[in-house]
Amino acid sequence: MTQTVLVTGGTGFVGGWCIAELLKRGYAVRTTVRSLAKEASVRAMVAEPGDRLAVFAADLMSDAGWGTAVEGCDYVLHVASPLGSKSNPGDIVAAARGGALRVLRAALAAKVRRVVLTSSGAACCPPLNSPDSETDETFWTDAEDRGLTAYRKSKVVAERAAWDFMSAQAPAAR
């Protein structure tokens, strides 16, 4: 039986490559886009006209669509993340955090076997002017550092929220 993977952020660079590789390896793939008007471009990007790719509308800022997108999936790769340089920085952080939590809630409800959240070195690096350049798994970027870009802040806030959520909701699932 073919296993199914949901890749969030199907129009993105990382999402597109994940979709292409999963299809190449024989998985059934679902992906999310903010608007189904983008479906044709996702299919063209991964050169997949077949029936192993399904596209669902789901936005990081809304609960709508996530349950349907995740239903029946074995795995989820959450790679969607807002990047917009012209966006309000608060909106970027809220979308990243809220989106990660929406994906995790939907995955738990659907009893997905494994969720992989794509993070960034931005979530675990010292300030640029810090003499401390060594980090390990216990180090977190200071989300309150005023020198952070919205993207860096969004990555650390989203990942912390995901870890906190999983610790509170499903400690055995970690």
Protein backbone atom coordinates (compact mmCIF):
# COMPACT_ATOMS: atom_id res chain seq x y z
CA MET A 1 0.00 0.00 0.00
CA THR A 2 1.33 3.43 -0.95
CA GLN A 3 2.08 5.75 1.94
CA THR A 4 0.83 9.33 1.81
CA VAL A 5 2.79 12.44 2.77
CA LEU A 6 1.45 15.96 3.16
CA VAL A 7 3.98 18.66 2.26
CA THR A 8 2.86 22.10 3.38
CA GLY A 9 3.82 25.05 1.21
CA GLY A 10 3.69 23.42 -2.22
CA THR A 11 4.55 26.61 -4.09
CA GLY A 12 7.77 27.18 -2.15
CA PHE A 13 11.31 26.22 -3.13
CA VAL A 14 11.81 23.64 -0.37
CA GLY A 15 8.26 22.33 -0.63
CA GLY A 16 8.58 21.83 -4.38
CA TRP A 17 11.77 19.82 -4.05
CA CYS A 18 10.26 17.71 -1.25
CA ILE A 19 7.22 16.96 -3.42
CA ALA A 20 9.37 16.04 -6.44
CA GLU A 21 11.58 13.68 -4.40
CA LEU A 22 8.65 12.01 -2.63
CA LEU A 23 6.89 11.39 -5.95
CA LYS A 24 10.13 10.01 -7.39
CA ARG A 25 10.27 7.58 -4.46
CA GLY A 26 6.72 6.36 -5.05
CA TYR A 27 4.77 8.15 -2.31
CA ALA A 28 1.32 9.60 -2.78
CA VAL A 29 1.76 13.31 -2.03
CA ARG A 30 -0.61 15.98 -0.88
CA THR A 31 0.37 19.61 -0.69
CA THR A 32 -1.15 22.83 0.51
CA VAL A 33 -1.41 26.16 -1.24
CA ARG A 34 -3.16 29.33 -0.11
CA SER A 35 -5.24 29.35 -3.27
CA LEU A 36 -6.17 26.49 -5.60
CA ALA A 37 -5.42 28.89 -8.47
CA LYS A 38 -1.77 27.86 -7.82
CA GLU A 39 -2.41 24.14 -8.44
CA ALA A 40 -1.31 24.21 -12.08
CA SER A 41 1.96 25.91 -11.19
CA VAL A 42 2.69 23.33 -8.47
CA ARG A 43 2.07 20.47 -10.90
CA ALA A 44 4.24 22.12 -13.55
CA MET A 45 7.02 22.78 -11.05
CA VAL A 46 7.25 19.11 -10.06
CA ALA A 47 6.35 17.77 -13.52
CA GLU A 48 3.55 15.64 -12.07
CA PRO A 49 0.36 15.44 -14.08
CA GLY A 50 -0.58 12.10 -12.45
CA ASP A 51 -2.94 11.12 -9.70
CA ARG A 52 -0.32 10.70 -6.94
CA LEU A 53 -0.33 14.46 -6.27
CA ALA A 54 -3.33 16.14 -4.65
CA VAL A 55 -3.49 19.86 -3.92
CA PHE A 56 -5.49 21.35 -1.05
CA ALA A 57 -6.25 24.93 -0.08
CA ALA A 58 -5.01 25.74 3.43
CA ASP A 59 -3.59 28.99 4.77
CA LEU A 60 -1.23 29.26 7.74
CA MET A 61 -3.50 32.00 9.16
CA SER A 62 -6.75 29.99 9.05
CA ASP A 63 -8.00 26.69 10.47
CA ALA A 64 -9.93 25.96 7.26
CA GLY A 65 -8.64 23.14 5.10
CA TRP A 66 -6.01 21.61 7.38
CA GLY A 67 -8.14 18.69 8.60
CA THR A 68 -9.04 17.73 5.05
CA ALA A 69 -5.46 18.08 3.81
CA VAL A 70 -4.06 15.87 6.59
CA GLU A 71 -6.83 13.26 6.68
CA GLY A 72 -5.48 9.85 5.63
CA CYS A 73 -1.83 10.92 5.62
CA ASP A 74 0.92 8.79 7.13
CA TYR A 75 3.42 11.65 7.38
CA VAL A 76 3.54 15.44 7.29
CA LEU A 77 6.46 17.61 6.22
CA HIS A 78 5.68 21.10 7.46
CA VAL A 79 7.92 23.31 5.34
CA ALA A 80 5.59 26.26 4.72
CA SER A 81 6.84 29.50 6.22
CA PRO A 82 6.07 33.12 5.43
CA LEU A 83 8.94 35.09 3.93
CA GLY A 84 7.36 38.34 2.73
CA SER A 85 9.80 41.20 3.20
CA LYS A 86 7.02 43.75 2.65
CA SER A 87 4.68 42.13 5.17
CA ASN A 88 4.07 43.41 8.65
CA PRO A 89 6.70 41.64 10.82
CA GLY A 90 4.02 40.74 13.37
CA ASP A 91 2.00 39.03 10.63
CA ILE A 92 5.00 36.92 9.60
CA VAL A 93 5.55 35.73 13.18
CA ALA A 94 1.84 35.06 13.74
CA ALA A 95 1.55 33.08 10.49
CA ALA A 96 4.60 30.94 11.26
CA ARG A 97 3.54 30.20 14.84
CA GLY A 98 -0.15 29.75 14.10
CA GLY A 99 0.55 27.66 11.03
CA ALA A 100 2.85 25.27 12.90
CA LEU A 101 0.21 24.79 15.59
CA ARG A 102 -2.59 24.29 13.05
CA VAL A 103 -0.57 21.63 11.26
CA LEU A 104 0.26 19.85 14.53
CA ARG A 105 -3.36 19.91 15.73
CA ALA A 106 -4.60 18.50 12.43
CA ALA A 107 -1.87 15.84 12.40
CA LEU A 108 -2.72 14.71 15.92
CA ALA A 109 -6.43 14.56 15.11
CA ALA A 110 -5.69 12.50 11.98
CA LYS A 111 -3.30 10.21 13.89
CA VAL A 112 -0.41 10.92 11.52
CA ARG A 113 2.58 8.67 12.24
CA ARG A 114 5.28 11.35 12.04
CA VAL A 115 5.48 15.12 11.56
CA VAL A 116 8.70 16.79 10.46
CA LEU A 117 8.84 20.53 10.99
CA THR A 118 11.45 22.28 8.89
CA SER A 119 13.23 24.80 11.00
CA SER A 120 16.22 27.02 10.42
CA GLY A 121 19.54 27.85 11.96
CA ALA A 122 17.79 31.14 12.68
CA ALA A 123 16.07 29.43 15.61
CA CYS A 124 19.32 28.52 17.36
CA CYS A 125 22.04 31.04 16.74
CA PRO A 126 23.57 33.69 18.96
CA PRO A 127 23.23 37.38 18.18
CA LEU A 128 25.54 38.51 15.40
CA ASN A 129 27.62 40.65 17.75
CA SER A 130 27.99 37.90 20.37
CA PRO A 131 31.39 36.38 21.17
CA ASP A 132 29.50 33.12 21.84
CA SER A 133 29.47 31.29 18.52
CA GLU A 134 29.08 27.71 19.74
CA THR A 135 25.60 26.28 20.00
CA ASP A 136 23.99 22.94 20.69
CA GLU A 137 20.44 21.57 20.97
CA THR A 138 19.80 23.53 24.17
CA PHE A 139 20.47 26.96 22.65
CA TRP A 140 17.59 29.10 21.38
CA THR A 141 17.76 32.42 19.61
CA ASP A 142 16.39 35.18 21.82
CA ALA A 143 13.04 35.98 20.19
CA GLU A 144 13.00 39.34 21.97
CA ASP A 145 16.27 40.49 20.40
CA ARG A 146 15.35 43.73 18.60
CA GLY A 147 17.98 43.04 15.95
CA LEU A 148 16.18 39.97 14.59
CA THR A 149 14.57 40.05 11.20
CA ALA A 150 10.90 39.05 11.10
CA TYR A 151 11.87 35.76 9.43
CA ARG A 152 14.41 34.84 12.14
CA LYS A 153 11.95 35.71 14.87
CA SER A 154 9.18 33.74 13.15
CA LYS A 155 11.35 30.62 12.95
CA VAL A 156 12.30 30.63 16.62
CA VAL A 157 8.78 31.49 17.81
CA ALA A 158 7.19 28.80 15.61
CA GLU A 159 9.63 26.10 16.63
CA ARG A 160 9.34 26.92 20.34
CA ALA A 161 5.54 26.83 20.02
CA ALA A 162 5.72 23.44 18.29
CA TRP A 163 7.98 21.96 20.98
CA ASP A 164 5.78 23.38 23.75
CA PHE A 165 2.63 22.10 22.07
CA MET A 166 3.99 18.60 21.64
CA SER A 167 5.29 18.51 25.20
CA ALA A 168 1.87 19.49 26.53
CA GLN A 169 -0.34 17.49 24.15
CA ALA A 170 1.53 14.34 23.29
CA PRO A 171 4.71 13.84 25.31
CA ALA A 172 4.95 10.19 24.21
CA ALA A 173 4.76 11.24 20.54
CA ARG A 174 8.03 13.18 20.60
